[in-house]
N, C-alpha and C. Protein backbone atom coordinates (compact mmCIF):
# COMPACT_ATOMS: atom_id res chain seq x y z
N MET A 1 -26.80 -7.09 6.14
CA MET A 1 -25.88 -7.88 6.93
C MET A 1 -24.49 -7.78 6.31
N LYS A 2 -23.49 -7.51 7.12
CA LYS A 2 -22.12 -7.36 6.65
C LYS A 2 -21.48 -8.73 6.41
N LYS A 3 -20.88 -8.88 5.25
CA LYS A 3 -20.22 -10.13 4.90
C LYS A 3 -18.78 -10.07 5.40
N LEU A 4 -18.37 -11.07 6.15
CA LEU A 4 -17.01 -11.14 6.66
C LEU A 4 -16.13 -11.92 5.70
N MET A 5 -14.94 -11.41 5.47
CA MET A 5 -13.98 -12.07 4.60
C MET A 5 -12.72 -12.33 5.41
N GLY A 6 -12.08 -13.43 5.16
CA GLY A 6 -10.84 -13.72 5.86
C GLY A 6 -10.43 -15.15 5.68
N ILE A 7 -9.54 -15.55 6.55
CA ILE A 7 -9.03 -16.91 6.52
C ILE A 7 -9.03 -17.45 7.94
N ALA A 8 -9.36 -18.69 8.10
CA ALA A 8 -9.32 -19.34 9.41
C ALA A 8 -8.29 -20.45 9.37
N ILE A 9 -7.50 -20.53 10.41
CA ILE A 9 -6.51 -21.60 10.51
C ILE A 9 -6.88 -22.42 11.74
N ILE A 10 -7.12 -23.70 11.55
CA ILE A 10 -7.46 -24.58 12.65
C ILE A 10 -6.16 -25.05 13.30
N ASP A 11 -6.05 -24.79 14.56
CA ASP A 11 -4.81 -25.05 15.29
C ASP A 11 -4.94 -26.37 16.06
N MET A 12 -4.18 -27.37 15.63
CA MET A 12 -4.25 -28.70 16.23
C MET A 12 -3.00 -29.00 17.06
N ASP A 13 -2.45 -27.97 17.69
CA ASP A 13 -1.23 -28.13 18.47
C ASP A 13 -1.38 -29.23 19.52
N GLY A 14 -0.41 -30.08 19.58
CA GLY A 14 -0.42 -31.15 20.57
C GLY A 14 -1.29 -32.33 20.17
N THR A 15 -2.10 -32.16 19.13
CA THR A 15 -2.95 -33.25 18.66
C THR A 15 -2.30 -33.89 17.44
N LEU A 16 -2.10 -33.09 16.41
CA LEU A 16 -1.48 -33.58 15.19
C LEU A 16 -0.09 -33.01 14.96
N LEU A 17 0.20 -31.90 15.61
CA LEU A 17 1.47 -31.21 15.39
C LEU A 17 2.35 -31.31 16.64
N ALA A 18 3.65 -31.32 16.42
CA ALA A 18 4.59 -31.42 17.54
C ALA A 18 4.89 -30.07 18.18
N LYS A 19 4.56 -28.98 17.48
CA LYS A 19 4.84 -27.66 18.02
C LYS A 19 3.63 -26.75 17.79
N ARG A 20 3.67 -25.59 18.44
CA ARG A 20 2.57 -24.64 18.26
C ARG A 20 2.71 -23.96 16.91
N SER A 21 1.64 -23.99 16.15
CA SER A 21 1.70 -23.38 14.82
C SER A 21 1.91 -21.87 14.91
N ILE A 22 1.38 -21.23 15.95
CA ILE A 22 1.57 -19.78 16.07
C ILE A 22 3.04 -19.44 16.24
N ASP A 23 3.81 -20.31 16.86
CA ASP A 23 5.26 -20.08 16.97
C ASP A 23 5.91 -20.07 15.60
N VAL A 24 5.48 -20.98 14.74
CA VAL A 24 6.02 -21.04 13.38
C VAL A 24 5.67 -19.76 12.62
N PHE A 25 4.41 -19.33 12.72
CA PHE A 25 3.99 -18.11 12.05
C PHE A 25 4.78 -16.90 12.54
N CYS A 26 4.93 -16.79 13.84
CA CYS A 26 5.64 -15.64 14.40
C CYS A 26 7.12 -15.66 14.06
N ASN A 27 7.73 -16.83 13.99
CA ASN A 27 9.12 -16.92 13.54
C ASN A 27 9.23 -16.48 12.09
N LYS A 28 8.33 -16.95 11.25
CA LYS A 28 8.34 -16.62 9.83
C LYS A 28 8.21 -15.11 9.60
N PHE A 29 7.33 -14.47 10.36
CA PHE A 29 7.03 -13.05 10.14
C PHE A 29 7.75 -12.13 11.13
N ASN A 30 8.77 -12.66 11.81
CA ASN A 30 9.56 -11.87 12.77
C ASN A 30 8.69 -11.20 13.84
N LEU A 31 7.78 -11.97 14.40
CA LEU A 31 6.86 -11.48 15.43
C LEU A 31 7.02 -12.22 16.75
N PHE A 32 8.13 -12.95 16.91
CA PHE A 32 8.27 -13.79 18.09
C PHE A 32 8.33 -12.98 19.38
N ASN A 33 9.00 -11.83 19.37
CA ASN A 33 9.06 -11.00 20.59
C ASN A 33 7.67 -10.52 21.00
N GLU A 34 6.87 -10.12 20.01
CA GLU A 34 5.50 -9.69 20.29
C GLU A 34 4.67 -10.83 20.87
N LEU A 35 4.88 -12.04 20.33
CA LEU A 35 4.17 -13.21 20.85
C LEU A 35 4.57 -13.50 22.28
N GLU A 36 5.85 -13.37 22.59
CA GLU A 36 6.32 -13.60 23.96
C GLU A 36 5.64 -12.64 24.94
N GLU A 37 5.48 -11.38 24.53
CA GLU A 37 4.80 -10.40 25.39
C GLU A 37 3.34 -10.79 25.61
N ILE A 38 2.69 -11.27 24.58
CA ILE A 38 1.30 -11.73 24.71
C ILE A 38 1.23 -12.95 25.62
N ASN A 39 2.17 -13.88 25.45
CA ASN A 39 2.19 -15.08 26.30
C ASN A 39 2.31 -14.72 27.78
N LYS A 40 3.05 -13.67 28.09
CA LYS A 40 3.21 -13.25 29.48
C LYS A 40 1.89 -12.79 30.10
N LEU A 41 0.97 -12.36 29.27
CA LEU A 41 -0.33 -11.88 29.76
C LEU A 41 -1.32 -13.01 30.03
N SER A 42 -0.98 -14.22 29.62
CA SER A 42 -1.96 -15.31 29.63
C SER A 42 -2.51 -15.67 31.00
N LEU A 43 -1.81 -15.35 32.05
CA LEU A 43 -2.33 -15.64 33.39
C LEU A 43 -3.15 -14.49 33.97
N ARG A 44 -3.14 -13.34 33.28
CA ARG A 44 -3.82 -12.16 33.82
C ARG A 44 -5.06 -11.73 33.05
N ILE A 45 -5.19 -12.17 31.81
CA ILE A 45 -6.36 -11.76 31.03
C ILE A 45 -7.03 -13.01 30.45
N PRO A 46 -8.32 -12.90 30.12
CA PRO A 46 -9.06 -14.07 29.61
C PRO A 46 -8.45 -14.62 28.32
N ALA A 47 -8.62 -15.91 28.12
CA ALA A 47 -8.05 -16.60 26.95
C ALA A 47 -8.53 -15.99 25.64
N TYR A 48 -9.78 -15.55 25.58
CA TYR A 48 -10.27 -14.98 24.32
C TYR A 48 -9.54 -13.69 23.98
N LYS A 49 -9.09 -12.94 24.98
CA LYS A 49 -8.31 -11.72 24.74
C LYS A 49 -6.93 -12.08 24.18
N ILE A 50 -6.35 -13.15 24.68
CA ILE A 50 -5.07 -13.63 24.17
C ILE A 50 -5.23 -14.00 22.70
N THR A 51 -6.30 -14.73 22.38
CA THR A 51 -6.58 -15.13 21.01
C THR A 51 -6.72 -13.91 20.11
N GLU A 52 -7.44 -12.89 20.58
CA GLU A 52 -7.60 -11.67 19.79
C GLU A 52 -6.26 -10.99 19.52
N LYS A 53 -5.43 -10.91 20.55
CA LYS A 53 -4.12 -10.28 20.40
C LYS A 53 -3.23 -11.05 19.42
N ILE A 54 -3.27 -12.37 19.51
CA ILE A 54 -2.47 -13.19 18.59
C ILE A 54 -2.99 -13.02 17.16
N ALA A 55 -4.30 -13.00 16.99
CA ALA A 55 -4.88 -12.83 15.65
C ALA A 55 -4.45 -11.50 15.05
N LYS A 56 -4.39 -10.46 15.87
CA LYS A 56 -3.98 -9.14 15.38
C LYS A 56 -2.53 -9.15 14.88
N LEU A 57 -1.70 -10.02 15.44
CA LEU A 57 -0.32 -10.12 14.96
C LEU A 57 -0.27 -10.51 13.49
N LEU A 58 -1.23 -11.30 13.06
CA LEU A 58 -1.22 -11.82 11.69
C LEU A 58 -2.05 -10.97 10.72
N MET A 59 -2.66 -9.91 11.23
CA MET A 59 -3.44 -9.03 10.36
C MET A 59 -2.54 -8.44 9.28
N GLY A 60 -3.07 -8.36 8.08
CA GLY A 60 -2.32 -7.78 6.98
C GLY A 60 -1.50 -8.79 6.19
N LYS A 61 -1.37 -9.98 6.72
CA LYS A 61 -0.65 -11.03 5.99
C LYS A 61 -1.59 -11.57 4.91
N SER A 62 -1.04 -11.86 3.77
CA SER A 62 -1.88 -12.35 2.68
C SER A 62 -2.29 -13.81 2.93
N LYS A 63 -3.37 -14.18 2.28
CA LYS A 63 -3.84 -15.57 2.36
C LYS A 63 -2.74 -16.51 1.89
N LYS A 64 -2.06 -16.12 0.81
CA LYS A 64 -1.00 -16.95 0.25
C LYS A 64 0.13 -17.14 1.27
N GLU A 65 0.56 -16.05 1.93
CA GLU A 65 1.62 -16.14 2.93
C GLU A 65 1.24 -17.09 4.07
N LEU A 66 0.00 -16.95 4.53
CA LEU A 66 -0.46 -17.79 5.65
C LEU A 66 -0.57 -19.25 5.23
N GLU A 67 -1.12 -19.50 4.05
CA GLU A 67 -1.25 -20.89 3.58
C GLU A 67 0.11 -21.54 3.37
N GLU A 68 1.05 -20.80 2.78
CA GLU A 68 2.40 -21.35 2.56
C GLU A 68 3.09 -21.67 3.88
N THR A 69 2.94 -20.78 4.84
CA THR A 69 3.55 -21.00 6.15
C THR A 69 2.92 -22.21 6.83
N PHE A 70 1.59 -22.28 6.81
CA PHE A 70 0.90 -23.41 7.44
C PHE A 70 1.27 -24.73 6.78
N SER A 71 1.43 -24.72 5.46
CA SER A 71 1.80 -25.93 4.74
C SER A 71 3.20 -26.43 5.11
N SER A 72 4.04 -25.53 5.60
CA SER A 72 5.41 -25.91 5.95
C SER A 72 5.51 -26.60 7.31
N ILE A 73 4.44 -26.58 8.07
CA ILE A 73 4.46 -27.16 9.42
C ILE A 73 4.35 -28.68 9.34
């Protein structure tokens, strides 16, 4: 069985946070234009595909970078 390694970020937008955390991440990593293109697809493709595309934006970012960014929200 293959062991998966990674980091999960629980997104509580609108519940505990005043803004979308993915917007903060994309601003931090200069990915906002890419996120806007993905957002435009949200009415045409299933939500899980949107989630996959957004997750791919953050691929290659270190755990430390993601944790520091999330802590700043």
